Amino acid sequence: MAFRWRCFRLNQYQPDRKADNPISFLKGFRGYLHTDGYQAYGKLENVTLVGCWAHARRKFDKAVKALPKSQQKTSSAGIGLLYCSRLFEIENRIAELSPEERKKQRQSQAKPILDAILAWVKTRNAAPKSALGQALHYLVEQWPRLIHYLDDGRLEISNNLAGVGRESILQWINKRNMPAYKVGRLWKFKLSEIDKWIRSGGASEESNTEDNEQA
């Protein structure tokens, strides 16, 4: 029997990204917190920060696209992107399992890949301001947070689900070449289907927006 997730989303708008905003909004919160690389989250107390592999993959994807097509697959950027994609492939396969089983499968399937990524990144060199340099820097700096999703099967590999909004839904529609008359009846679509697509990394691959994190 497939495991059914129950969750809710609570959003708060702020006109700026001052560090006081998350500190005030999350006052009293304890537990795991999925985040991007925004430094202000590091000032929170009594929370375990869980990093976002979608952000990491997006940076490698950007580095790949900066190269000539003939060099993309065999480049360091291409290898980094492949590593990230393998982690998302695992998440796609285990998405319907219970938290306990997901944790077990991550330990057996994802951890060896994570160990390989860490060993690999230590052998890479790139100009700090280059697209590859930024991708490698993000990976190293965020590493302690990026591996926390192994600790609990309830956790996600990315914070993509926090961004289910207009942009993600439009990407989901465009991916399916959906005709206009169906878009007008979007309220009939199950949010769970969009969630599953986002969990697998679909939205992060197609996003053309710049990351908001200060990494």
N, C-alpha and C. Protein backbone atom coordinates (compact mmCIF):
# COMPACT_ATOMS: atom_id res chain seq x y z
N MET A 1 0.84 -1.20 0.00
CA MET A 1 0.00 0.00 0.00
C MET A 1 0.87 1.25 0.00
N ALA A 2 0.56 2.19 -0.85
CA ALA A 2 1.35 3.41 -0.94
C ALA A 2 1.11 4.29 0.28
N PHE A 3 2.15 4.94 0.74
CA PHE A 3 2.03 5.85 1.88
C PHE A 3 1.45 7.17 1.40
N ARG A 4 0.47 7.69 2.12
CA ARG A 4 -0.16 8.96 1.76
C ARG A 4 0.32 10.08 2.67
N TRP A 5 0.89 11.11 2.06
CA TRP A 5 1.39 12.24 2.82
C TRP A 5 0.27 13.23 3.13
N ARG A 6 0.34 13.80 4.30
CA ARG A 6 -0.57 14.88 4.67
C ARG A 6 0.26 16.08 5.09
N CYS A 7 0.02 17.19 4.46
CA CYS A 7 0.80 18.38 4.78
C CYS A 7 -0.03 19.62 4.51
N PHE A 8 0.44 20.74 5.03
CA PHE A 8 -0.20 22.00 4.74
C PHE A 8 0.89 23.03 4.49
N ARG A 9 0.52 24.12 3.85
CA ARG A 9 1.47 25.18 3.55
C ARG A 9 1.01 26.48 4.20
N LEU A 10 1.96 27.15 4.82
CA LEU A 10 1.69 28.43 5.45
C LEU A 10 2.69 29.43 4.89
N ASN A 11 2.20 30.46 4.23
CA ASN A 11 3.07 31.45 3.62
C ASN A 11 2.93 32.80 4.30
N GLN A 12 4.02 33.53 4.33
CA GLN A 12 3.99 34.90 4.85
C GLN A 12 4.79 35.79 3.90
N TYR A 13 4.19 36.86 3.46
CA TYR A 13 4.88 37.79 2.55
C TYR A 13 5.66 38.82 3.34
N GLN A 14 6.88 39.08 2.89
CA GLN A 14 7.68 40.17 3.42
C GLN A 14 8.25 40.95 2.24
N PRO A 15 8.32 42.27 2.32
CA PRO A 15 8.79 43.08 1.19
C PRO A 15 10.31 43.04 1.00
N ASP A 16 11.04 42.43 1.95
CA ASP A 16 12.50 42.37 1.83
C ASP A 16 12.98 41.04 2.41
N ARG A 17 14.30 40.82 2.34
CA ARG A 17 14.88 39.58 2.83
C ARG A 17 15.77 39.82 4.05
N LYS A 18 15.34 40.70 4.92
CA LYS A 18 16.08 40.96 6.14
C LYS A 18 16.07 39.73 7.04
N ALA A 19 17.17 39.55 7.76
CA ALA A 19 17.31 38.37 8.62
C ALA A 19 16.26 38.32 9.72
N ASP A 20 15.74 39.47 10.11
CA ASP A 20 14.75 39.50 11.19
C ASP A 20 13.44 38.81 10.78
N ASN A 21 13.16 38.75 9.48
CA ASN A 21 11.88 38.18 9.03
C ASN A 21 11.72 36.71 9.39
N PRO A 22 12.63 35.83 8.98
CA PRO A 22 12.46 34.42 9.36
C PRO A 22 12.60 34.19 10.86
N ILE A 23 13.43 34.99 11.52
CA ILE A 23 13.61 34.83 12.96
C ILE A 23 12.30 35.12 13.68
N SER A 24 11.61 36.18 13.24
CA SER A 24 10.33 36.54 13.86
C SER A 24 9.24 35.53 13.50
N PHE A 25 9.17 35.16 12.23
CA PHE A 25 8.12 34.27 11.75
C PHE A 25 8.22 32.88 12.39
N LEU A 26 9.45 32.41 12.61
CA LEU A 26 9.67 31.06 13.11
C LEU A 26 9.99 31.03 14.61
N LYS A 27 9.72 32.10 15.30
CA LYS A 27 10.00 32.15 16.74
C LYS A 27 9.25 31.03 17.45
N GLY A 28 9.99 30.27 18.24
CA GLY A 28 9.39 29.18 18.99
C GLY A 28 9.36 27.84 18.25
N PHE A 29 9.69 27.87 16.97
CA PHE A 29 9.67 26.62 16.19
C PHE A 29 10.88 25.76 16.53
N ARG A 30 10.64 24.47 16.64
CA ARG A 30 11.70 23.49 16.86
C ARG A 30 11.54 22.37 15.85
N GLY A 31 12.66 21.86 15.36
CA GLY A 31 12.59 20.73 14.45
C GLY A 31 13.40 20.96 13.19
N TYR A 32 13.01 20.26 12.12
CA TYR A 32 13.70 20.37 10.84
C TYR A 32 13.14 21.55 10.05
N LEU A 33 14.02 22.24 9.34
CA LEU A 33 13.61 23.36 8.51
C LEU A 33 14.27 23.24 7.14
N HIS A 34 13.45 23.03 6.10
CA HIS A 34 13.97 22.98 4.73
C HIS A 34 14.24 24.40 4.25
N THR A 35 15.44 24.63 3.73
CA THR A 35 15.80 25.99 3.32
C THR A 35 16.65 25.97 2.05
N ASP A 36 16.77 27.16 1.45
CA ASP A 36 17.80 27.36 0.44
C ASP A 36 19.07 27.79 1.19
N GLY A 37 19.99 28.45 0.53
CA GLY A 37 21.24 28.80 1.19
C GLY A 37 21.25 30.15 1.87
N TYR A 38 20.08 30.75 2.06
CA TYR A 38 19.99 32.07 2.68
C TYR A 38 20.61 32.03 4.08
N GLN A 39 21.61 32.90 4.29
CA GLN A 39 22.40 32.85 5.52
C GLN A 39 21.60 33.14 6.79
N ALA A 40 20.51 33.88 6.68
CA ALA A 40 19.75 34.26 7.87
C ALA A 40 19.21 33.05 8.62
N TYR A 41 18.94 31.96 7.90
CA TYR A 41 18.41 30.77 8.57
C TYR A 41 19.41 30.19 9.57
N GLY A 42 20.68 30.47 9.36
CA GLY A 42 21.69 29.97 10.28
C GLY A 42 21.63 30.61 11.66
N LYS A 43 20.88 31.71 11.78
CA LYS A 43 20.75 32.39 13.06
C LYS A 43 19.61 31.84 13.91
N LEU A 44 18.82 30.92 13.34
CA LEU A 44 17.71 30.35 14.07
C LEU A 44 18.20 29.35 15.11
N GLU A 45 17.54 29.30 16.24
CA GLU A 45 17.90 28.39 17.32
C GLU A 45 16.95 27.19 17.35
N ASN A 46 17.46 26.08 17.82
CA ASN A 46 16.66 24.87 18.02
C ASN A 46 16.07 24.31 16.74
N VAL A 47 16.75 24.52 15.61
CA VAL A 47 16.28 23.94 14.35
C VAL A 47 17.44 23.21 13.68
N THR A 48 17.10 22.20 12.89
CA THR A 48 18.07 21.50 12.05
C THR A 48 17.78 21.90 10.62
N LEU A 49 18.72 22.57 9.99
CA LEU A 49 18.52 23.05 8.63
C LEU A 49 18.75 21.93 7.63
N VAL A 50 17.79 21.76 6.74
CA VAL A 50 17.86 20.72 5.70
C VAL A 50 18.04 21.43 4.36
N GLY A 51 19.15 21.17 3.70
CA GLY A 51 19.49 21.87 2.47
C GLY A 51 18.67 21.43 1.27
N CYS A 52 18.86 22.15 0.17
CA CYS A 52 18.04 21.94 -1.03
C CYS A 52 18.91 21.48 -2.20
N TRP A 53 18.71 20.23 -2.61
CA TRP A 53 19.46 19.69 -3.74
C TRP A 53 18.97 20.25 -5.07
N ALA A 54 17.78 20.79 -5.12
CA ALA A 54 17.31 21.42 -6.35
C ALA A 54 18.14 22.66 -6.66
N HIS A 55 18.50 23.41 -5.62
CA HIS A 55 19.35 24.57 -5.81
C HIS A 55 20.75 24.14 -6.28
N ALA A 56 21.26 23.07 -5.67
CA ALA A 56 22.58 22.57 -6.06
C ALA A 56 22.57 22.12 -7.53
N ARG A 57 21.55 21.38 -7.90
CA ARG A 57 21.47 20.88 -9.27
C ARG A 57 21.30 22.03 -10.27
N ARG A 58 20.52 23.03 -9.89
CA ARG A 58 20.29 24.16 -10.77
C ARG A 58 21.60 24.88 -11.09
N LYS A 59 22.49 24.96 -10.12
CA LYS A 59 23.77 25.62 -10.35
C LYS A 59 24.64 24.83 -11.31
N PHE A 60 24.63 23.51 -11.18
CA PHE A 60 25.40 22.69 -12.13
C PHE A 60 24.76 22.75 -13.52
N ASP A 61 23.45 22.81 -13.57
CA ASP A 61 22.76 22.92 -14.85
C ASP A 61 23.15 24.22 -15.55
N LYS A 62 23.26 25.29 -14.79
CA LYS A 62 23.66 26.58 -15.34
C LYS A 62 25.09 26.51 -15.87
N ALA A 63 25.96 25.81 -15.13
CA ALA A 63 27.35 25.67 -15.56
C ALA A 63 27.45 24.84 -16.84
N VAL A 64 26.62 23.82 -16.95
CA VAL A 64 26.61 22.99 -18.15
C VAL A 64 26.19 23.81 -19.36
N LYS A 65 25.14 24.58 -19.21
CA LYS A 65 24.60 25.36 -20.33
C LYS A 65 25.55 26.46 -20.78
N ALA A 66 26.53 26.80 -19.95
CA ALA A 66 27.51 27.83 -20.32
C ALA A 66 28.60 27.27 -21.23
N LEU A 67 28.61 25.94 -21.39
CA LEU A 67 29.64 25.28 -22.19
C LEU A 67 29.13 24.95 -23.59
N PRO A 68 30.05 24.78 -24.55
CA PRO A 68 29.64 24.28 -25.87
C PRO A 68 29.03 22.88 -25.71
N LYS A 69 28.07 22.54 -26.53
CA LYS A 69 27.38 21.26 -26.42
C LYS A 69 28.33 20.07 -26.49
N SER A 70 29.37 20.21 -27.26
CA SER A 70 30.32 19.11 -27.42
C SER A 70 31.09 18.79 -26.14
N GLN A 71 31.11 19.74 -25.19
CA GLN A 71 31.85 19.55 -23.94
C GLN A 71 30.97 19.26 -22.74
N GLN A 72 29.68 19.40 -22.89
CA GLN A 72 28.79 19.39 -21.74
C GLN A 72 28.79 18.07 -20.97
N LYS A 73 28.63 16.95 -21.64
CA LYS A 73 28.46 15.67 -20.95
C LYS A 73 29.70 15.22 -20.20
N THR A 74 30.87 15.49 -20.74
CA THR A 74 32.11 15.02 -20.13
C THR A 74 32.76 16.04 -19.21
N SER A 75 32.16 17.22 -19.09
CA SER A 75 32.73 18.28 -18.25
C SER A 75 32.48 18.00 -16.78
N SER A 76 33.21 18.71 -15.93
CA SER A 76 32.96 18.62 -14.48
C SER A 76 31.54 19.05 -14.15
N ALA A 77 31.06 20.08 -14.84
CA ALA A 77 29.69 20.54 -14.61
C ALA A 77 28.70 19.45 -14.98
N GLY A 78 28.95 18.76 -16.09
CA GLY A 78 28.06 17.68 -16.51
C GLY A 78 28.06 16.52 -15.54
N ILE A 79 29.23 16.19 -15.00
CA ILE A 79 29.32 15.11 -14.02
C ILE A 79 28.59 15.49 -12.74
N GLY A 80 28.77 16.74 -12.30
CA GLY A 80 28.07 17.21 -11.10
C GLY A 80 26.56 17.16 -11.29
N LEU A 81 26.10 17.56 -12.46
CA LEU A 81 24.66 17.52 -12.75
C LEU A 81 24.15 16.10 -12.75
N LEU A 82 24.93 15.17 -13.29
CA LEU A 82 24.53 13.77 -13.32
C LEU A 82 24.41 13.20 -11.91
N TYR A 83 25.36 13.53 -11.05
CA TYR A 83 25.29 13.09 -9.65
C TYR A 83 23.98 13.57 -9.00
N CYS A 84 23.68 14.85 -9.18
CA CYS A 84 22.47 15.41 -8.58
C CYS A 84 21.22 14.72 -9.13
N SER A 85 21.20 14.48 -10.42
CA SER A 85 20.03 13.85 -11.05
C SER A 85 19.82 12.44 -10.54
N ARG A 86 20.89 11.73 -10.25
CA ARG A 86 20.76 10.37 -9.72
C ARG A 86 20.08 10.39 -8.35
N LEU A 87 20.38 11.39 -7.55
CA LEU A 87 19.72 11.50 -6.24
C LEU A 87 18.22 11.72 -6.41
N PHE A 88 17.84 12.55 -7.38
CA PHE A 88 16.42 12.80 -7.62
C PHE A 88 15.73 11.57 -8.21
N GLU A 89 16.43 10.79 -8.99
CA GLU A 89 15.86 9.56 -9.53
C GLU A 89 15.50 8.59 -8.40
N ILE A 90 16.36 8.51 -7.41
CA ILE A 90 16.07 7.67 -6.24
C ILE A 90 14.82 8.16 -5.54
N GLU A 91 14.71 9.48 -5.32
CA GLU A 91 13.55 10.04 -4.65
C GLU A 91 12.26 9.76 -5.42
N ASN A 92 12.35 9.78 -6.72
CA ASN A 92 11.18 9.50 -7.55
C ASN A 92 10.72 8.06 -7.36
N ARG A 93 11.67 7.15 -7.21
CA ARG A 93 11.33 5.72 -7.05
C ARG A 93 10.74 5.42 -5.68
N ILE A 94 11.16 6.16 -4.66
CA ILE A 94 10.74 5.83 -3.29
C ILE A 94 9.69 6.79 -2.75
N ALA A 95 9.15 7.63 -3.60
CA ALA A 95 8.24 8.70 -3.15
C ALA A 95 7.01 8.18 -2.41
N GLU A 96 6.51 7.01 -2.78
CA GLU A 96 5.27 6.50 -2.18
C GLU A 96 5.51 5.59 -0.99
N LEU A 97 6.76 5.42 -0.57
CA LEU A 97 7.06 4.55 0.56
C LEU A 97 6.81 5.27 1.88
N SER A 98 6.74 4.51 2.94
CA SER A 98 6.58 5.09 4.27
C SER A 98 7.86 5.82 4.66
N PRO A 99 7.80 6.74 5.62
CA PRO A 99 9.02 7.43 6.05
C PRO A 99 10.12 6.47 6.51
N GLU A 100 9.74 5.42 7.20
CA GLU A 100 10.72 4.46 7.67
C GLU A 100 11.44 3.78 6.52
N GLU A 101 10.67 3.37 5.50
CA GLU A 101 11.25 2.69 4.36
C GLU A 101 12.05 3.67 3.50
N ARG A 102 11.58 4.90 3.39
CA ARG A 102 12.33 5.89 2.63
C ARG A 102 13.71 6.11 3.25
N LYS A 103 13.77 6.22 4.56
CA LYS A 103 15.05 6.39 5.23
C LYS A 103 15.96 5.20 4.95
N LYS A 104 15.41 4.03 5.00
CA LYS A 104 16.19 2.82 4.75
C LYS A 104 16.74 2.81 3.33
N GLN A 105 15.91 3.13 2.37
CA GLN A 105 16.33 3.13 0.97
C GLN A 105 17.34 4.24 0.68
N ARG A 106 17.20 5.37 1.34
CA ARG A 106 18.17 6.44 1.16
C ARG A 106 19.54 6.03 1.68
N GLN A 107 19.55 5.34 2.81
CA GLN A 107 20.83 4.90 3.36
C GLN A 107 21.53 3.91 2.43
N SER A 108 20.75 3.05 1.80
CA SER A 108 21.34 2.02 0.94
C SER A 108 21.62 2.52 -0.47
N GLN A 109 20.80 3.46 -0.97
CA GLN A 109 20.95 3.90 -2.35
C GLN A 109 21.58 5.28 -2.50
N ALA A 110 21.13 6.23 -1.70
CA ALA A 110 21.60 7.61 -1.87
C ALA A 110 22.93 7.87 -1.17
N LYS A 111 23.14 7.30 0.00
CA LYS A 111 24.36 7.60 0.76
C LYS A 111 25.62 7.26 -0.02
N PRO A 112 25.71 6.11 -0.71
CA PRO A 112 26.92 5.84 -1.49
C PRO A 112 27.17 6.90 -2.57
N ILE A 113 26.10 7.42 -3.16
CA ILE A 113 26.25 8.47 -4.16
C ILE A 113 26.73 9.76 -3.51
N LEU A 114 26.17 10.07 -2.35
CA LEU A 114 26.60 11.27 -1.62
C LEU A 114 28.07 11.18 -1.24
N ASP A 115 28.50 10.00 -0.79
CA ASP A 115 29.91 9.81 -0.45
C ASP A 115 30.79 10.03 -1.68
N ALA A 116 30.32 9.53 -2.82
CA ALA A 116 31.08 9.70 -4.07
C ALA A 116 31.14 11.17 -4.49
N ILE A 117 30.03 11.88 -4.30
CA ILE A 117 30.00 13.31 -4.65
C ILE A 117 31.01 14.08 -3.81
N LEU A 118 31.03 13.81 -2.51
CA LEU A 118 31.93 14.54 -1.62
C LEU A 118 33.38 14.27 -1.99
N ALA A 119 33.71 13.01 -2.29
CA ALA A 119 35.08 12.68 -2.69
C ALA A 119 35.43 13.35 -4.02
N TRP A 120 34.45 13.36 -4.94
CA TRP A 120 34.68 13.96 -6.26
C TRP A 120 34.89 15.46 -6.18
N VAL A 121 34.05 16.16 -5.40
CA VAL A 121 34.12 17.62 -5.36
C VAL A 121 35.44 18.10 -4.77
N LYS A 122 36.06 17.30 -3.93
CA LYS A 122 37.34 17.67 -3.34
C LYS A 122 38.47 17.65 -4.37
N THR A 123 38.24 17.02 -5.52
CA THR A 123 39.26 16.95 -6.56
C THR A 123 39.05 18.00 -7.65
N ARG A 124 38.00 18.81 -7.53
CA ARG A 124 37.67 19.78 -8.58
C ARG A 124 38.26 21.15 -8.26
N ASN A 125 38.63 21.86 -9.30
CA ASN A 125 39.09 23.25 -9.19
C ASN A 125 38.43 24.08 -10.27
N ALA A 126 38.02 25.28 -9.91
CA ALA A 126 37.40 26.18 -10.88
C ALA A 126 37.50 27.60 -10.36
N ALA A 127 37.51 28.55 -11.27
CA ALA A 127 37.53 29.96 -10.87
C ALA A 127 36.32 30.26 -10.01
N PRO A 128 36.51 30.89 -8.85
CA PRO A 128 35.40 31.11 -7.91
C PRO A 128 34.17 31.79 -8.51
N LYS A 129 34.38 32.73 -9.44
CA LYS A 129 33.26 33.47 -10.00
C LYS A 129 32.66 32.81 -11.23
N SER A 130 33.24 31.71 -11.68
CA SER A 130 32.68 31.00 -12.83
C SER A 130 31.43 30.24 -12.40
N ALA A 131 30.63 29.83 -13.36
CA ALA A 131 29.40 29.09 -13.04
C ALA A 131 29.73 27.78 -12.32
N LEU A 132 30.78 27.09 -12.77
CA LEU A 132 31.19 25.85 -12.10
C LEU A 132 31.72 26.15 -10.71
N GLY A 133 32.51 27.20 -10.59
CA GLY A 133 33.04 27.57 -9.28
C GLY A 133 31.95 27.85 -8.27
N GLN A 134 30.90 28.52 -8.71
CA GLN A 134 29.77 28.82 -7.82
C GLN A 134 29.01 27.55 -7.44
N ALA A 135 28.89 26.63 -8.39
CA ALA A 135 28.21 25.36 -8.10
C ALA A 135 28.99 24.55 -7.08
N LEU A 136 30.30 24.48 -7.25
CA LEU A 136 31.15 23.73 -6.32
C LEU A 136 31.15 24.38 -4.94
N HIS A 137 31.22 25.71 -4.92
CA HIS A 137 31.20 26.44 -3.64
C HIS A 137 29.90 26.17 -2.88
N TYR A 138 28.78 26.23 -3.59
CA TYR A 138 27.49 25.99 -2.95
C TYR A 138 27.45 24.58 -2.36
N LEU A 139 27.95 23.62 -3.11
CA LEU A 139 27.92 22.23 -2.66
C LEU A 139 28.74 22.05 -1.38
N VAL A 140 29.93 22.60 -1.36
CA VAL A 140 30.81 22.45 -0.20
C VAL A 140 30.24 23.20 1.00
N GLU A 141 29.83 24.44 0.79
CA GLU A 141 29.33 25.26 1.89
C GLU A 141 28.05 24.69 2.51
N GLN A 142 27.19 24.16 1.66
CA GLN A 142 25.90 23.67 2.12
C GLN A 142 25.91 22.19 2.50
N TRP A 143 27.04 21.52 2.35
CA TRP A 143 27.09 20.07 2.51
C TRP A 143 26.47 19.56 3.82
N PRO A 144 26.80 20.13 4.98
CA PRO A 144 26.20 19.62 6.21
C PRO A 144 24.66 19.65 6.18
N ARG A 145 24.09 20.65 5.51
CA ARG A 145 22.64 20.75 5.41
C ARG A 145 22.10 19.81 4.33
N LEU A 146 22.86 19.65 3.26
CA LEU A 146 22.39 18.84 2.13
C LEU A 146 22.24 17.37 2.48
N ILE A 147 22.99 16.89 3.45
CA ILE A 147 22.91 15.46 3.78
C ILE A 147 21.94 15.16 4.92
N HIS A 148 21.32 16.19 5.49
CA HIS A 148 20.40 15.96 6.61
C HIS A 148 19.14 15.21 6.19
N TYR A 149 18.79 15.26 4.91
CA TYR A 149 17.57 14.56 4.50
C TYR A 149 17.69 13.05 4.67
N LEU A 150 18.92 12.56 4.87
CA LEU A 150 19.12 11.14 5.14
C LEU A 150 18.63 10.73 6.52
N ASP A 151 18.51 11.70 7.41
CA ASP A 151 18.27 11.40 8.82
C ASP A 151 16.83 10.99 9.14
N ASP A 152 15.90 11.40 8.30
CA ASP A 152 14.48 11.16 8.61
C ASP A 152 13.71 11.02 7.29
N GLY A 153 12.97 9.94 7.16
CA GLY A 153 12.24 9.68 5.92
C GLY A 153 11.11 10.65 5.64
N ARG A 154 10.76 11.48 6.61
CA ARG A 154 9.73 12.50 6.38
C ARG A 154 10.28 13.70 5.64
N LEU A 155 11.58 13.82 5.61
CA LEU A 155 12.21 14.98 4.99
C LEU A 155 12.26 14.84 3.47
N GLU A 156 12.40 15.98 2.80
CA GLU A 156 12.47 16.00 1.34
C GLU A 156 13.90 16.30 0.89
N ILE A 157 14.20 15.96 -0.34
CA ILE A 157 15.52 16.21 -0.90
C ILE A 157 15.71 17.68 -1.27
N SER A 158 14.63 18.41 -1.37
CA SER A 158 14.70 19.83 -1.72
C SER A 158 13.57 20.59 -1.04
N ASN A 159 13.61 21.91 -1.16
CA ASN A 159 12.51 22.72 -0.62
C ASN A 159 11.55 23.12 -1.74
N ASN A 160 11.52 22.36 -2.83
CA ASN A 160 10.65 22.68 -3.96
C ASN A 160 9.18 22.77 -3.58
N LEU A 161 8.74 21.91 -2.67
CA LEU A 161 7.32 21.91 -2.31
C LEU A 161 6.90 23.22 -1.66
N ALA A 162 7.86 23.93 -1.06
CA ALA A 162 7.53 25.22 -0.46
C ALA A 162 7.23 26.26 -1.53
N GLY A 163 7.62 25.96 -2.76
CA GLY A 163 7.43 26.92 -3.83
C GLY A 163 6.31 26.57 -4.78
N VAL A 164 5.37 25.73 -4.35
CA VAL A 164 4.25 25.39 -5.22
C VAL A 164 3.36 26.61 -5.34
N GLY A 165 3.47 27.29 -6.42
CA GLY A 165 2.69 28.49 -6.66
C GLY A 165 2.46 28.67 -8.14
N ARG A 166 2.26 29.90 -8.53
CA ARG A 166 1.91 30.19 -9.92
C ARG A 166 2.98 29.69 -10.89
N GLU A 167 4.26 29.95 -10.58
CA GLU A 167 5.33 29.56 -11.51
C GLU A 167 5.41 28.04 -11.67
N SER A 168 5.35 27.31 -10.54
CA SER A 168 5.44 25.86 -10.61
C SER A 168 4.27 25.25 -11.36
N ILE A 169 3.07 25.79 -11.12
CA ILE A 169 1.89 25.26 -11.80
C ILE A 169 1.96 25.53 -13.30
N LEU A 170 2.43 26.72 -13.68
CA LEU A 170 2.57 27.03 -15.10
C LEU A 170 3.59 26.13 -15.77
N GLN A 171 4.66 25.80 -15.07
CA GLN A 171 5.65 24.88 -15.62
C GLN A 171 5.03 23.50 -15.82
N TRP A 172 4.23 23.08 -14.86
CA TRP A 172 3.56 21.77 -14.92
C TRP A 172 2.63 21.72 -16.13
N ILE A 173 1.92 22.82 -16.37
CA ILE A 173 1.01 22.91 -17.52
C ILE A 173 1.80 22.87 -18.83
N ASN A 174 2.86 23.69 -18.91
CA ASN A 174 3.64 23.77 -20.14
C ASN A 174 4.30 22.44 -20.47
N LYS A 175 4.70 21.69 -19.44
CA LYS A 175 5.35 20.39 -19.66
C LYS A 175 4.42 19.44 -20.40
N ARG A 176 3.13 19.64 -20.21
CA ARG A 176 2.14 18.73 -20.80
C ARG A 176 1.46 19.31 -22.04
N ASN A 177 1.95 20.46 -22.52
CA ASN A 177 1.35 21.10 -23.70
C ASN A 177 -0.17 21.19 -23.57
N MET A 178 -0.62 21.62 -22.42
CA MET A 178 -2.03 21.61 -22.10
C MET A 178 -2.78 22.71 -22.86
N PRO A 179 -3.89 22.37 -23.53
CA PRO A 179 -4.66 23.38 -24.26
C PRO A 179 -5.31 24.38 -23.32
N ALA A 180 -5.62 25.55 -23.86
CA ALA A 180 -6.13 26.66 -23.06
C ALA A 180 -7.41 26.32 -22.30
N TYR A 181 -8.30 25.54 -22.93
CA TYR A 181 -9.57 25.28 -22.26
C TYR A 181 -9.38 24.44 -21.00
N LYS A 182 -8.32 23.62 -20.96
CA LYS A 182 -8.05 22.84 -19.76
C LYS A 182 -7.40 23.69 -18.67
N VAL A 183 -6.59 24.65 -19.10
CA VAL A 183 -5.97 25.55 -18.12
C VAL A 183 -7.04 26.30 -17.35
N GLY A 184 -8.13 26.64 -18.02
CA GLY A 184 -9.23 27.35 -17.39
C GLY A 184 -9.92 26.54 -16.31
N ARG A 185 -9.68 25.20 -16.34
CA ARG A 185 -10.27 24.33 -15.32
C ARG A 185 -9.20 23.72 -14.43
N LEU A 186 -8.16 24.52 -14.16
CA LEU A 186 -7.03 24.03 -13.38
C LEU A 186 -7.45 23.58 -11.98
N TRP A 187 -8.53 24.13 -11.48
CA TRP A 187 -8.98 23.77 -10.13
C TRP A 187 -9.32 22.30 -10.01
N LYS A 188 -9.51 21.62 -11.12
CA LYS A 188 -9.85 20.19 -11.09
C LYS A 188 -8.62 19.30 -10.93
N PHE A 189 -7.43 19.86 -11.18
CA PHE A 189 -6.22 19.06 -11.11
C PHE A 189 -5.85 18.80 -9.65
N LYS A 190 -5.33 17.61 -9.37
CA LYS A 190 -4.95 17.28 -8.01
C LYS A 190 -3.60 17.91 -7.68
N LEU A 191 -3.56 18.63 -6.58
CA LEU A 191 -2.31 19.22 -6.15
C LEU A 191 -1.26 18.15 -5.90
N SER A 192 -1.71 16.95 -5.49
CA SER A 192 -0.77 15.87 -5.22
C SER A 192 0.01 15.47 -6.45
N GLU A 193 -0.61 15.58 -7.63
CA GLU A 193 0.09 15.24 -8.86
C GLU A 193 1.19 16.25 -9.16
N ILE A 194 0.89 17.52 -8.92
CA ILE A 194 1.89 18.56 -9.12
C ILE A 194 3.01 18.39 -8.09
N ASP A 195 2.62 18.07 -6.84
CA ASP A 195 3.61 17.86 -5.79
C ASP A 195 4.59 16.75 -6.17
N LYS A 196 4.05 15.65 -6.70
CA LYS A 196 4.89 14.51 -7.06
C LYS A 196 5.89 14.91 -8.14
N TRP A 197 5.43 15.70 -9.10
CA TRP A 197 6.31 16.17 -10.17
C TRP A 197 7.42 17.06 -9.62
N ILE A 198 7.06 17.94 -8.67
CA ILE A 198 8.04 18.84 -8.08
C ILE A 198 9.03 18.07 -7.22
N ARG A 199 8.53 17.05 -6.47
CA ARG A 199 9.43 16.23 -5.65
C ARG A 199 10.50 15.56 -6.51
N SER A 200 10.13 15.18 -7.72
CA SER A 200 11.07 14.49 -8.60
C SER A 200 12.07 15.45 -9.22
N GLY A 201 11.91 16.76 -8.96
CA GLY A 201 12.85 17.75 -9.47
C GLY A 201 12.42 18.42 -10.75
N GLY A 202 11.21 18.14 -11.23
CA GLY A 202 10.76 18.67 -12.51
C GLY A 202 10.79 20.18 -12.58
N ALA A 203 10.31 20.84 -11.57
CA ALA A 203 10.24 22.31 -11.60
C ALA A 203 11.62 22.93 -11.57
N SER A 204 12.54 22.35 -10.81
CA SER A 204 13.86 22.95 -10.68
C SER A 204 14.64 22.90 -11.98
N GLU A 205 14.38 21.89 -12.82
CA GLU A 205 15.11 21.76 -14.06
C GLU A 205 14.74 22.86 -15.05
N GLU A 206 13.51 23.36 -14.95
CA GLU A 206 13.03 24.28 -15.96
C GLU A 206 13.04 25.73 -15.51
N SER A 207 13.37 25.97 -14.26
CA SER A 207 13.32 27.34 -13.74
C SER A 207 14.42 28.18 -14.36
N ASN A 208 14.04 29.35 -14.84
CA ASN A 208 15.01 30.28 -15.41
C ASN A 208 15.31 31.43 -14.48
N THR A 209 14.71 31.40 -13.30
CA THR A 209 14.90 32.49 -12.35
C THR A 209 16.19 32.30 -11.58
N GLU A 210 16.77 33.41 -11.14
CA GLU A 210 17.99 33.35 -10.35
C GLU A 210 17.67 32.87 -8.94
N ASP A 211 18.61 32.15 -8.33
CA ASP A 211 18.42 31.71 -6.96
C ASP A 211 18.40 32.91 -6.04
N ASN A 212 17.62 32.81 -4.97
CA ASN A 212 17.52 33.91 -4.02
C ASN A 212 18.53 33.80 -2.89
N GLU A 213 19.18 32.63 -2.77
CA GLU A 213 20.04 32.44 -1.62
C GLU A 213 21.28 33.29 -1.71
N GLN A 214 21.84 33.60 -0.56
CA GLN A 214 23.09 34.33 -0.48
C GLN A 214 24.16 33.32 -0.11
N ALA A 215 24.69 32.65 -1.11
CA ALA A 215 25.66 31.57 -0.84
C ALA A 215 27.06 32.04 -1.19
